[in-house]
Amino acid sequence: MELQLFETSWMDVWDGREPSEPVGAVFTKPEVVGLILDLAGYRAGGPRLSTKRILEPSCGDGAFLTCVISRLLESERAHQNPINWNAPELDAAIVACDLNSGFIALARETTRSALIAAGCPVSRAIALADQWIVHADFLLTCWAGRFDYVVGNPPYVRIEDLPAPVLQRYRELYSTCTDRADLYVAFFEKGLRLLAPEGCLAFICANRFAKNLYGRKLREFIAQEYRVRYYLNLEHTQPFAQDVSAYPCITILDRANGGPTLAATLEDIEAATLASLLPENDESHGNSALVRFSQWYRDGAPWIATRRDRFDHLHALASKFPTLEESADATKVGIGVATGADDIYVRQGRDPTIEEFCQLPLVMAGDISPSNLDWSGHYLIDPFDPESETGLRDLAATPGLASYFERHRVALSARHVAKKRPHAWYRTIDRVTHSLVKKPKLVIPDIQAGGIVGYDAGNYYPHHNVYWITSEGWDLRVLQALLRSTLVLEQIRAHSVQMRGGSVRYQAQVLRKVRLPKADAISDAVAERLAALAGSTDTSQLDELAHVAFRL
């Protein structure tokens, strides 16, 4: 595929100004940088590295660059001892860039110091540092030629947080930047397009793209043209210099499409663990955490498992059972109301100055347990009229509500949803579906340790961090029991991104991937026993019955 050409300067898109703060800067520990370069094949013991081209697209403070220079010089000593500092191969050996001029200055100074310490003449060290390290937006720069290695730690930032002209240009250029993608997704696409035929891309970044909806286009792009050489899930470790909640992974990609993948989920980044992952310590020696997959996930499917047994189990469930919403008639998953201003719309206790029918009992995540709902007494101040064709309540007909909203008009009007619809300045982000209140439903807190699925007989409206399930074909108590079982929790963990402390997210996109037996395939006797255990703390009995229902 031909490289894209950009007709305008990156500074034009940024309106002549770089960001006042570094964009998504998170720095990597040296031992992790070393592992990434090893897995990519950028090692001093092989071919002369100065004959290769390596690109670092977001060099930051130089964590990768420092290690790259060290290996380059070690390789030169091995092949050209003493180092010929004027060798023309050195000129094009490294390209590093960053959007932040402060990081550029720091990286150039670090590079000059490293070269001089290695014996490089001062003038040549200055020239190489200036040539290697470029102040640019990687995504908006036309890079000459292709690269044997593209390595680094691309920035972590939601693309919608960028200036509007920059966001628009990124979306025009990078087809993988869909939905609420993170900026590193575009770095993958651009980096892969720059690879030489035998080239390799090696990034450490957040692992969200591997499972989330926003990563689907990137996964499809990778599956069509590239091979996942290594995938290391590091979400339980801290590979960065500062303590950040980034849930990282290391992904090594090349052009050997259809080749095997080595994958692992690491529980620590101790020296012995990292050493076991090196090519000379692969699984054939029996001391590596790596698992070999002859075929990685196809067609953009989520990368849900790095263990062979779990992969096989999830594949078997997917081949035998329907998804949750296909498992019984009129089964639907949704999320509660997002207001954009909970401190205004969500009240503890009913407000006597507001019309009673404008206040809906609201179930919060903390109210939910499997055995019962311990309602905390919260209400949603409801701006929607269930009888109105236009949707919103007529404030003239509800003076109490009107007075309340008027007191908060400035804050409500400042929200994005209000700016888009100034005439509807007092609406919540989501429309309220009033019929949901009276429907029996399951209610599930978003972030949790697992297995917390509650039952609402038809009394409450869900808050925005509560997911709900309604169904005509399921006895909801039976469904509640199955969703609390280990068989389902394992599926949730596979499809969900994991949080610190082992918590998982019961998002709609995760729940919709859960596989269950059809409701009408479960015998009446088993269904009756499951319903009786729906809120039980005896998970061993629940799991035993779930296995019977799944016929496993």
Protein backbone atom coordinates (compact mmCIF):
# COMPACT_ATOMS: atom_id res chain seq x y z
CA MET A 1 0.00 0.00 0.00
CA GLU A 2 1.30 3.44 -0.90
CA LEU A 3 2.30 5.81 1.87
CA GLN A 4 -0.05 8.72 2.49
CA LEU A 5 1.13 12.19 1.57
CA PHE A 6 0.09 15.18 3.63
CA GLU A 7 -0.36 18.42 1.76
CA THR A 8 -0.14 20.73 4.78
CA SER A 9 2.42 21.23 7.53
CA TRP A 10 1.55 19.62 10.84
CA MET A 11 1.95 23.03 12.46
CA ASP A 12 -0.78 24.39 10.20
CA VAL A 13 -3.21 21.78 11.52
CA TRP A 14 -2.22 22.68 15.09
CA ASP A 15 -2.71 26.36 14.17
CA GLY A 16 0.97 27.09 14.63
CA ARG A 17 1.02 26.00 18.27
CA GLU A 18 2.13 22.79 19.90
CA PRO A 19 0.10 21.61 22.92
CA SER A 20 0.97 23.50 26.10
CA GLU A 21 1.31 20.16 27.91
CA PRO A 22 2.78 16.87 26.65
CA VAL A 23 0.06 14.81 24.95
CA GLY A 24 -0.52 11.52 26.78
CA ALA A 25 3.06 11.15 28.02
CA VAL A 26 3.74 7.95 30.02
CA PHE A 27 7.33 6.70 30.31
CA THR A 28 8.53 3.10 30.18
CA LYS A 29 10.92 1.33 32.57
CA PRO A 30 14.33 0.49 31.01
CA GLU A 31 14.02 -3.26 31.54
CA VAL A 32 10.72 -3.29 29.66
CA VAL A 33 12.21 -1.21 26.84
CA GLY A 34 15.00 -3.78 26.61
CA LEU A 35 12.50 -6.64 26.34
CA ILE A 36 10.55 -4.88 23.59
CA LEU A 37 13.68 -4.27 21.53
CA ASP A 38 14.77 -7.87 22.07
CA LEU A 39 11.43 -9.25 20.88
CA ALA A 40 11.48 -6.92 17.90
CA GLY A 41 14.94 -8.20 16.98
CA TYR A 42 16.81 -4.93 17.50
CA ARG A 43 19.77 -6.59 19.19
CA ALA A 44 23.46 -5.77 19.05
CA GLY A 45 24.51 -9.38 18.52
CA GLY A 46 23.00 -9.68 15.04
CA PRO A 47 23.47 -7.83 11.75
CA ARG A 48 24.99 -4.37 11.79
CA LEU A 49 22.19 -2.16 13.17
CA SER A 50 23.39 0.98 11.39
CA THR A 51 22.33 -0.66 8.11
CA LYS A 52 18.76 -0.76 9.44
CA ARG A 53 16.35 2.13 10.04
CA ILE A 54 14.52 2.47 13.34
CA LEU A 55 11.74 4.96 14.04
CA GLU A 56 10.55 6.09 17.47
CA PRO A 57 7.31 8.05 16.86
CA SER A 58 6.86 9.59 20.32
CA CYS A 59 10.27 9.78 21.97
CA GLY A 60 9.26 11.71 25.11
CA ASP A 61 12.10 11.84 27.61
CA GLY A 62 14.13 9.30 25.59
CA ALA A 63 13.44 6.00 27.41
CA PHE A 64 13.47 4.05 24.13
CA LEU A 65 15.95 6.33 22.38
CA THR A 66 18.61 5.86 25.06
CA CYS A 67 18.45 2.08 24.75
CA VAL A 68 18.37 2.22 20.96
CA ILE A 69 21.52 4.36 20.84
CA SER A 70 23.30 2.07 23.29
CA ARG A 71 22.54 -0.98 21.13
CA LEU A 72 23.45 0.83 17.92
CA LEU A 73 26.86 1.78 19.31
CA GLU A 74 27.46 -1.72 20.67
CA SER A 75 26.68 -3.10 17.22
CA GLU A 76 29.07 -0.61 15.58
CA ARG A 77 31.87 -1.67 17.94
CA ALA A 78 31.23 -5.30 17.05
CA HIS A 79 31.25 -4.65 13.30
CA GLN A 80 33.49 -1.56 12.92
CA ASN A 81 35.89 -1.46 15.86
CA PRO A 82 36.78 1.31 16.49
CA ILE A 83 33.57 3.16 15.61
CA ASN A 84 33.84 5.26 12.47
CA TRP A 85 31.82 8.27 13.65
CA ASN A 86 31.68 9.65 10.13
CA ALA A 87 30.19 6.48 8.66
CA PRO A 88 27.29 7.58 6.43
CA GLU A 89 25.20 4.65 7.68
CA LEU A 90 24.84 6.40 11.03
CA ASP A 91 23.04 9.39 9.49
CA ALA A 92 19.87 7.46 8.68
CA ALA A 93 20.05 4.80 11.39
CA ILE A 94 17.64 6.52 13.83
CA VAL A 95 14.61 8.76 13.46
CA ALA A 96 12.81 9.92 16.59
CA CYS A 97 10.15 12.58 16.90
CA ASP A 98 7.85 14.21 19.40
CA LEU A 99 5.19 16.89 19.39
CA ASN A 100 6.55 18.61 22.49
CA SER A 101 9.57 20.88 21.99
CA GLY A 102 10.62 20.44 25.62
CA PHE A 103 10.99 16.70 25.10
CA ILE A 104 12.88 17.31 21.85
CA ALA A 105 15.41 19.50 23.66
CA LEU A 106 15.78 16.91 26.43
CA ALA A 107 16.15 14.01 23.99
CA ARG A 108 18.77 15.87 21.93
CA GLU A 109 20.78 16.72 25.03
CA THR A 110 20.62 13.11 26.25
CA THR A 111 21.68 11.88 22.82
CA ARG A 112 24.60 14.31 22.55
CA SER A 113 25.81 13.31 26.02
CA ALA A 114 25.60 9.59 25.22
CA LEU A 115 27.48 9.96 21.96
CA ILE A 116 30.22 12.15 23.46
CA ALA A 117 30.65 9.73 26.37
CA ALA A 118 31.12 6.95 23.81
CA GLY A 119 33.94 8.89 22.12
CA CYS A 120 32.08 10.73 19.40
CA PRO A 121 33.53 14.15 18.48
CA VAL A 122 31.39 16.96 19.87
CA SER A 123 30.49 18.47 16.49
CA ARG A 124 29.43 15.09 15.11
CA ALA A 125 27.41 14.33 18.27
CA ILE A 126 25.54 17.62 17.89
CA ALA A 127 24.89 16.95 14.21
CA LEU A 128 23.63 13.40 14.78
CA ALA A 129 21.37 14.47 17.65
CA ASP A 130 19.85 17.23 15.54
CA GLN A 131 19.44 14.92 12.58
CA TRP A 132 18.02 11.95 14.45
CA ILE A 133 15.52 13.81 16.62
CA VAL A 134 12.78 15.74 14.85
CA HIS A 135 10.16 18.13 16.26
CA ALA A 136 7.02 16.93 14.48
CA ASP A 137 3.58 15.40 14.75
CA PHE A 138 4.25 11.80 13.73
CA LEU A 139 0.72 11.38 12.41
CA LEU A 140 0.84 14.48 10.19
CA THR A 141 4.36 14.16 8.80
CA CYS A 142 5.35 12.54 5.49
CA TRP A 143 8.32 10.32 6.38
CA ALA A 144 10.84 9.47 3.69
CA GLY A 145 11.14 5.78 2.94
CA ARG A 146 10.25 2.81 5.09
CA PHE A 147 11.60 1.50 8.38
CA ASP A 148 12.91 -1.83 9.58
CA TYR A 149 11.70 -1.10 13.12
CA VAL A 150 8.96 1.15 14.50
CA VAL A 151 9.17 1.03 18.28
CA GLY A 152 7.96 2.94 21.29
CA ASN A 153 5.27 3.98 23.68
CA PRO A 154 2.68 5.99 21.74
CA PRO A 155 0.66 8.62 23.62
CA TYR A 156 -2.46 7.72 25.58
CA VAL A 157 -5.22 10.26 25.01
CA ARG A 158 -8.83 10.08 23.83
CA ILE A 159 -8.86 11.62 20.36
CA GLU A 160 -12.03 13.61 21.11
CA ASP A 161 -10.00 15.53 23.72
CA LEU A 162 -7.80 16.96 20.95
CA PRO A 163 -8.41 20.34 19.26
CA ALA A 164 -11.22 20.05 16.71
CA PRO A 165 -9.08 20.71 13.58
CA VAL A 166 -6.51 18.12 14.70
CA LEU A 167 -9.20 15.55 15.48
CA GLN A 168 -10.85 16.14 12.10
CA ARG A 169 -7.55 15.67 10.24
CA TYR A 170 -6.66 12.51 12.15
CA ARG A 171 -10.06 11.01 11.37
CA GLU A 172 -9.64 11.89 7.68
CA LEU A 173 -6.25 10.19 7.51
CA TYR A 174 -6.71 7.13 9.71
CA SER A 175 -9.61 4.77 9.06
CA THR A 176 -8.98 2.89 12.31
CA CYS A 177 -9.82 5.99 14.41
CA THR A 178 -13.48 5.17 14.91
CA ASP A 179 -15.85 5.55 17.83
CA ARG A 180 -14.02 6.86 20.95
CA ALA A 181 -10.64 5.51 19.94
CA ASP A 182 -7.45 6.36 21.78
CA LEU A 183 -4.75 8.24 19.88
CA TYR A 184 -2.39 5.25 19.96
CA VAL A 185 -4.71 3.48 17.49
CA ALA A 186 -3.67 5.94 14.77
CA PHE A 187 -0.01 5.41 15.74
CA PHE A 188 -0.46 1.70 15.04
CA GLU A 189 -1.98 2.35 11.62
CA LYS A 190 0.65 4.89 10.56
CA GLY A 191 3.53 2.82 11.97
CA LEU A 192 2.40 -0.34 10.19
CA ARG A 193 2.10 1.47 6.88
CA LEU A 194 5.72 2.64 7.25
CA LEU A 195 7.17 -0.85 7.73
CA ALA A 196 9.69 -2.25 5.26
CA PRO A 197 8.86 -5.71 3.83
CA GLU A 198 10.79 -7.45 6.63
CA GLY A 199 9.98 -4.72 9.16
CA CYS A 200 8.59 -5.01 12.65
CA LEU A 201 6.46 -2.72 14.82
CA ALA A 202 6.81 -3.02 18.62
CA PHE A 203 4.62 -0.90 20.88
CA ILE A 204 3.72 -0.83 24.53
CA CYS A 205 0.33 0.80 25.01
CA ALA A 206 -3.04 0.36 26.72
CA ASN A 207 -4.62 -3.03 25.98
CA ARG A 208 -8.14 -1.60 25.43
CA PHE A 209 -7.89 -1.91 21.64
CA ALA A 210 -7.54 -5.70 21.96
CA LYS A 211 -11.11 -6.14 23.22
CA ASN A 212 -13.03 -2.87 23.04
CA LEU A 213 -15.37 -1.77 20.30
CA TYR A 214 -13.10 1.13 19.36
CA GLY A 215 -10.29 -1.30 18.55
CA ARG A 216 -12.30 -3.35 16.05
CA LYS A 217 -11.12 -1.48 12.94
CA LEU A 218 -7.51 -1.72 14.07
CA ARG A 219 -7.86 -5.45 14.76
CA GLU A 220 -9.40 -5.90 11.30
CA PHE A 221 -6.55 -3.90 9.73
CA ILE A 222 -3.96 -6.06 11.50
CA ALA A 223 -5.71 -9.32 10.59
CA GLN A 224 -5.89 -8.41 6.89
CA GLU A 225 -2.26 -7.52 6.28
CA TYR A 226 -0.06 -8.27 9.30
CA ARG A 227 0.94 -10.91 11.83
CA VAL A 228 0.83 -10.58 15.60
CA ARG A 229 4.28 -11.96 16.40
CA TYR A 230 3.95 -11.43 20.17
CA TYR A 231 1.10 -10.28 22.37
CA LEU A 232 1.94 -9.80 26.06
CA ASN A 233 -0.89 -8.68 28.31
CA LEU A 234 0.63 -6.67 31.20
CA GLU A 235 -2.59 -5.38 32.80
CA HIS A 236 -1.64 -6.86 36.18
CA THR A 237 1.80 -5.21 36.20
CA GLN A 238 3.30 -1.70 36.29
CA PRO A 239 5.86 -1.35 33.46
CA PHE A 240 5.96 2.44 33.60
CA ALA A 241 8.23 4.81 35.47
CA GLN A 242 5.27 6.37 37.28
CA ASP A 243 2.24 4.59 38.76
CA VAL A 244 -0.50 4.99 36.18
CA SER A 245 -3.74 3.10 35.50
CA ALA A 246 -2.92 2.31 31.89
CA TYR A 247 -3.61 -1.48 31.74
CA PRO A 248 -0.79 -2.03 29.23
CA CYS A 249 0.24 -4.64 26.72
CA ILE A 250 3.20 -5.22 24.45
CA THR A 251 2.30 -5.90 20.82
CA ILE A 252 4.90 -6.96 18.23
CA LEU A 253 3.64 -6.95 14.63
CA ASP A 254 5.22 -7.80 11.29
CA ARG A 255 4.21 -8.51 7.69
CA ALA A 256 4.31 -12.32 7.98
CA ASN A 257 0.52 -12.53 7.73
CA GLY A 258 -0.79 -15.95 8.69
CA GLY A 259 2.25 -16.87 10.77
CA PRO A 260 2.10 -18.08 14.38
CA THR A 261 1.69 -15.87 17.45
CA LEU A 262 3.31 -16.19 20.86
CA ALA A 263 1.13 -14.79 23.66
CA ALA A 264 1.09 -14.55 27.44
CA THR A 265 -0.50 -12.71 30.35
CA LEU A 266 2.17 -11.70 32.85
CA GLU A 267 1.62 -11.36 36.58
CA ASP A 268 4.93 -9.57 37.19
CA ILE A 269 7.86 -8.01 35.31
CA GLU A 270 10.65 -9.45 37.41
CA ALA A 271 13.96 -10.06 35.63
CA ALA A 272 13.45 -13.84 35.50
CA THR A 273 9.98 -13.43 34.01
CA LEU A 274 11.19 -11.09 31.29
CA ALA A 275 14.20 -13.29 30.53
CA SER A 276 11.91 -16.30 30.02
CA LEU A 277 10.20 -14.51 27.15
CA LEU A 278 13.31 -14.05 25.04
CA PRO A 279 13.57 -16.06 21.80
CA GLU A 280 16.36 -18.23 23.18
CA ASN A 281 14.09 -19.26 26.06
CA ASP A 282 10.97 -20.08 24.05
CA GLU A 283 8.34 -22.67 24.93
CA SER A 284 10.32 -25.53 23.40
CA HIS A 285 12.59 -25.27 26.45
CA GLY A 286 9.64 -25.53 28.83
CA ASN A 287 10.49 -22.45 30.89
CA SER A 288 8.53 -19.74 29.11
CA ALA A 289 5.11 -18.27 29.87
CA LEU A 290 4.52 -17.92 26.15
CA VAL A 291 1.81 -19.95 24.43
CA ARG A 292 2.00 -20.62 20.70
CA PHE A 293 -1.10 -19.96 18.60
CA SER A 294 -0.87 -21.24 15.04
CA GLN A 295 -3.61 -18.77 14.10
CA TRP A 296 -4.37 -15.53 15.96
CA TYR A 297 -7.85 -14.03 16.10
CA ARG A 298 -9.33 -13.47 12.66
CA ASP A 299 -11.43 -10.73 11.07
CA GLY A 300 -11.14 -8.22 13.90
CA ALA A 301 -12.42 -10.53 16.62
CA PRO A 302 -11.51 -9.46 20.18
CA TRP A 303 -8.27 -10.91 21.56
CA ILE A 304 -9.98 -12.53 24.52
CA ALA A 305 -7.49 -15.12 25.77
CA THR A 306 -3.76 -15.77 25.87
CA ARG A 307 -4.08 -19.29 27.31
CA ARG A 308 -4.80 -22.20 25.00
CA ASP A 309 -7.26 -23.95 27.34
CA ARG A 310 -9.27 -20.77 27.87
CA PHE A 311 -9.22 -20.02 24.15
CA ASP A 312 -10.52 -23.51 23.35
CA HIS A 313 -13.21 -23.30 26.05
CA LEU A 314 -14.51 -19.93 24.85
CA HIS A 315 -14.44 -21.11 21.26
CA ALA A 316 -16.48 -24.19 22.20
CA LEU A 317 -19.09 -22.06 23.99
CA ALA A 318 -19.35 -19.75 20.98
CA SER A 319 -19.90 -22.69 18.65
CA LYS A 320 -22.62 -24.30 20.79
CA PHE A 321 -24.63 -21.50 22.39
CA PRO A 322 -26.36 -18.27 21.33
CA THR A 323 -25.49 -14.84 22.66
CA LEU A 324 -27.42 -13.42 25.59
CA GLU A 325 -29.79 -11.35 23.44
CA GLU A 326 -30.39 -14.36 21.14
CA SER A 327 -31.04 -16.81 23.97
CA ALA A 328 -34.76 -15.97 24.46
CA ASP A 329 -37.48 -13.78 22.97
CA ALA A 330 -37.23 -10.01 23.45
CA THR A 331 -34.08 -10.16 25.55
CA LYS A 332 -32.42 -6.76 25.60
CA VAL A 333 -29.36 -5.20 27.26
CA GLY A 334 -29.13 -1.47 28.01
CA ILE A 335 -27.55 1.11 30.27
CA GLY A 336 -29.07 3.58 32.71
CA VAL A 337 -29.40 7.31 32.24
CA ALA A 338 -26.37 9.57 31.80
CA THR A 339 -27.26 13.10 32.89
CA GLY A 340 -24.13 15.15 32.30
CA ALA A 341 -24.66 16.75 35.74
CA ASP A 342 -25.42 14.19 38.43
CA ASP A 343 -25.03 16.78 41.17
CA ILE A 344 -28.13 18.51 39.73
CA TYR A 345 -30.24 15.67 38.36
CA VAL A 346 -29.62 13.06 41.07
CA ARG A 347 -31.00 13.88 44.52
CA GLN A 348 -30.89 12.01 47.82
CA GLY A 349 -34.55 11.91 48.83
CA ARG A 350 -37.53 13.48 47.11
CA ASP A 351 -37.49 17.25 46.72
CA PRO A 352 -40.82 18.66 48.04
CA THR A 353 -40.53 21.78 45.85
CA ILE A 354 -40.57 19.73 42.61
CA GLU A 355 -43.64 17.97 41.23
CA GLU A 356 -43.67 14.39 42.46
CA PHE A 357 -44.26 12.92 39.00
CA CYS A 358 -41.04 14.60 37.82
CA GLN A 359 -38.94 12.49 40.21
CA LEU A 360 -38.13 8.86 39.41
CA PRO A 361 -36.71 6.41 41.99
CA LEU A 362 -33.16 5.74 40.83
CA VAL A 363 -31.22 2.54 41.53
CA MET A 364 -27.50 3.17 42.04
CA ALA A 365 -24.64 0.68 41.64
CA GLY A 366 -24.11 0.57 45.41
CA ASP A 367 -27.75 -0.40 45.99
CA ILE A 368 -27.37 -3.72 44.20
CA SER A 369 -26.62 -7.13 45.64
CA PRO A 370 -27.72 -10.54 44.34
CA SER A 371 -30.03 -11.16 47.29
CA ASN A 372 -31.91 -7.83 47.26
CA LEU A 373 -31.88 -4.17 46.31
CA ASP A 374 -31.07 -1.97 49.27
CA TRP A 375 -32.38 1.26 47.79
CA SER A 376 -30.47 4.33 48.94
CA GLY A 377 -33.35 6.72 48.32
CA HIS A 378 -31.97 8.51 45.27
CA TYR A 379 -34.25 10.15 42.74
CA LEU A 380 -33.74 11.30 39.17
CA ILE A 381 -35.06 14.78 38.43
CA ASP A 382 -36.75 13.87 35.15
CA PRO A 383 -36.96 16.49 32.39
CA PHE A 384 -38.85 14.26 29.94
CA ASP A 385 -42.62 14.04 29.48
CA PRO A 386 -43.79 10.52 28.61
CA GLU A 387 -46.89 11.96 26.92
CA SER A 388 -45.14 14.67 24.88
CA GLU A 389 -44.29 14.23 21.22
CA THR A 390 -41.41 16.69 21.55
CA GLY A 391 -40.04 14.78 24.50
CA LEU A 392 -39.30 17.41 27.11
CA ARG A 393 -41.66 18.57 29.82
CA ASP A 394 -43.37 21.92 29.41
CA LEU A 395 -41.75 23.97 32.15
CA ALA A 396 -44.73 26.32 32.20
CA ALA A 397 -46.88 23.38 33.30
CA THR A 398 -44.38 22.28 35.99
CA PRO A 399 -43.44 25.42 37.95
CA GLY A 400 -41.56 23.53 40.66
CA LEU A 401 -39.37 21.78 38.09
CA ALA A 402 -38.98 25.03 36.16
CA SER A 403 -37.80 26.90 39.26
CA TYR A 404 -35.31 24.14 40.11
CA PHE A 405 -33.81 24.03 36.63
CA GLU A 406 -33.71 27.82 36.39
CA ARG A 407 -31.55 27.98 39.53
CA HIS A 408 -29.06 25.69 37.78
CA ARG A 409 -29.46 27.14 34.28
CA VAL A 410 -25.86 28.36 33.93
CA ALA A 411 -24.35 24.96 34.80
CA LEU A 412 -26.86 23.02 32.71
CA SER A 413 -26.40 25.27 29.67
CA ALA A 414 -22.61 24.82 29.80
CA ARG A 415 -22.87 21.10 29.04
CA HIS A 416 -22.04 19.81 25.56
CA VAL A 417 -25.52 18.36 25.11
CA ALA A 418 -27.07 21.76 25.90
CA LYS A 419 -24.78 23.63 23.54
CA LYS A 420 -25.79 21.29 20.72
CA ARG A 421 -29.49 21.86 21.51
CA PRO A 422 -29.86 25.25 23.20
CA HIS A 423 -33.66 24.99 23.16
CA ALA A 424 -33.37 21.77 25.19
CA TRP A 425 -30.84 23.12 27.69
CA TYR A 426 -32.39 21.25 30.63
CA ARG A 427 -32.44 17.74 29.11
CA THR A 428 -30.24 14.89 30.33
CA ILE A 429 -27.69 13.39 27.92
CA ASP A 430 -29.81 10.25 27.55
CA ARG A 431 -33.53 10.28 27.06
CA VAL A 432 -35.52 8.62 29.83
CA THR A 433 -37.58 5.60 28.76
CA HIS A 434 -40.34 5.77 31.36
CA SER A 435 -41.72 2.30 30.63
CA LEU A 436 -38.45 0.80 31.92
CA VAL A 437 -39.28 1.77 35.50
CA LYS A 438 -42.21 -0.65 35.78
CA LYS A 439 -40.54 -3.50 33.89
CA PRO A 440 -39.03 -6.38 35.84
CA LYS A 441 -35.33 -6.34 35.04
CA LEU A 442 -31.90 -7.44 36.09
CA VAL A 443 -29.61 -4.61 37.19
CA ILE A 444 -25.84 -4.97 37.07
CA PRO A 445 -23.17 -2.56 38.39
CA ASP A 446 -20.63 -1.71 35.69
CA ILE A 447 -17.31 -2.08 37.56
CA GLN A 448 -17.25 -4.94 40.08
CA ALA A 449 -15.33 -7.99 41.23
CA GLY A 450 -17.84 -10.25 39.47
CA GLY A 451 -21.13 -12.02 40.07
CA ILE A 452 -23.16 -9.03 41.30
CA VAL A 453 -26.43 -9.26 39.40
CA GLY A 454 -29.55 -7.85 41.08
CA TYR A 455 -33.28 -8.17 40.43
CA ASP A 456 -35.71 -5.26 40.28
CA ALA A 457 -39.36 -6.27 40.20
CA GLY A 458 -40.28 -2.98 38.51
CA ASN A 459 -39.67 -0.13 40.92
CA TYR A 460 -36.61 1.81 39.77
CA TYR A 461 -34.85 3.49 36.88
CA PRO A 462 -31.14 2.57 36.49
CA HIS A 463 -28.34 5.10 36.97
CA HIS A 464 -25.77 5.48 34.18
CA ASN A 465 -23.22 3.08 35.68
CA VAL A 466 -25.86 0.36 35.99
CA TYR A 467 -26.65 -1.97 33.08
CA TRP A 468 -30.06 -3.58 32.77
CA ILE A 469 -31.52 -6.67 31.08
CA THR A 470 -35.19 -7.21 30.23
CA SER A 471 -36.65 -10.32 28.64
CA GLU A 472 -39.98 -11.86 27.72
CA GLY A 473 -38.53 -15.33 27.14
CA TRP A 474 -36.50 -15.74 30.33
CA ASP A 475 -37.62 -16.21 33.87
CA LEU A 476 -35.37 -13.40 35.09
CA ARG A 477 -34.52 -15.27 38.28
CA VAL A 478 -33.15 -18.16 36.20
CA LEU A 479 -31.18 -15.75 34.06
CA GLN A 480 -29.90 -13.99 37.18
CA ALA A 481 -28.57 -17.27 38.53
CA LEU A 482 -26.81 -18.15 35.27
CA LEU A 483 -25.24 -14.71 34.95
CA ARG A 484 -23.82 -15.06 38.45
CA SER A 485 -22.20 -18.42 37.68
CA THR A 486 -18.49 -18.96 37.19
CA LEU A 487 -19.20 -20.12 33.63
CA VAL A 488 -20.47 -16.64 32.79
CA LEU A 489 -17.96 -14.78 34.94
CA GLU A 490 -15.14 -16.45 32.99
CA GLN A 491 -16.71 -15.12 29.79
CA ILE A 492 -17.08 -11.64 31.28
CA ARG A 493 -13.41 -11.66 32.30
CA ALA A 494 -12.37 -12.78 28.82
CA HIS A 495 -14.31 -10.07 26.99
CA SER A 496 -13.88 -7.28 29.53
CA VAL A 497 -10.92 -5.03 30.05
CA GLN A 498 -9.69 -5.62 33.58
CA MET A 499 -9.28 -2.92 36.18
CA ARG A 500 -6.86 -2.55 39.09
CA GLY A 501 -7.53 -5.11 41.83
CA GLY A 502 -9.00 -7.63 39.39
CA SER A 503 -12.33 -5.88 38.84
CA VAL A 504 -14.07 -6.27 35.49
CA ARG A 505 -16.55 -4.20 33.51
CA TYR A 506 -20.05 -5.50 32.78
CA GLN A 507 -20.50 -3.18 29.81
CA ALA A 508 -23.27 -3.74 27.28
CA GLN A 509 -20.68 -4.66 24.63
CA VAL A 510 -19.38 -7.34 27.03
CA LEU A 511 -22.78 -8.68 28.13
CA ARG A 512 -23.88 -9.01 24.51
CA LYS A 513 -20.99 -11.43 23.87
CA VAL A 514 -21.91 -13.80 26.72
CA ARG A 515 -23.01 -17.24 25.50
CA LEU A 516 -25.92 -18.99 27.23
CA PRO A 517 -28.14 -21.99 26.63
CA LYS A 518 -31.50 -21.13 25.12
CA ALA A 519 -34.05 -20.44 27.83
CA ASP A 520 -36.48 -23.05 26.49
CA ALA A 521 -33.72 -25.71 26.42
CA ILE A 522 -33.43 -25.73 30.22
CA SER A 523 -35.70 -28.25 31.91
CA ASP A 524 -38.38 -27.00 34.27
CA ALA A 525 -36.79 -28.82 37.20
CA VAL A 526 -33.35 -27.24 36.61
CA ALA A 527 -34.90 -23.83 35.98
CA GLU A 528 -36.85 -24.03 39.25
CA ARG A 529 -33.71 -24.86 41.20
CA LEU A 530 -31.72 -22.09 39.48
CA ALA A 531 -34.42 -19.54 40.28
CA ALA A 532 -34.34 -20.58 43.93
CA LEU A 533 -30.56 -19.97 43.99
CA ALA A 534 -30.63 -16.65 42.11
CA GLY A 535 -29.69 -14.58 45.15
CA SER A 536 -27.87 -17.29 47.09
CA THR A 537 -24.37 -16.98 48.49
CA ASP A 538 -23.81 -20.70 47.82
CA THR A 539 -21.96 -20.28 44.56
CA SER A 540 -20.85 -23.93 44.46
CA GLN A 541 -24.47 -25.09 44.12
CA LEU A 542 -25.15 -22.36 41.61
CA ASP A 543 -22.13 -23.41 39.52
CA GLU A 544 -23.16 -27.05 39.66
CA LEU A 545 -26.61 -26.24 38.32
CA ALA A 546 -25.17 -23.91 35.68
CA HIS A 547 -23.09 -26.81 34.35
CA VAL A 548 -26.26 -28.88 34.13
CA ALA A 549 -28.04 -26.08 32.27
CA PHE A 550 -25.12 -25.76 29.84
CA ARG A 551 -24.96 -29.58 29.59
CA LEU A 552 -21.21 -29.54 30.23
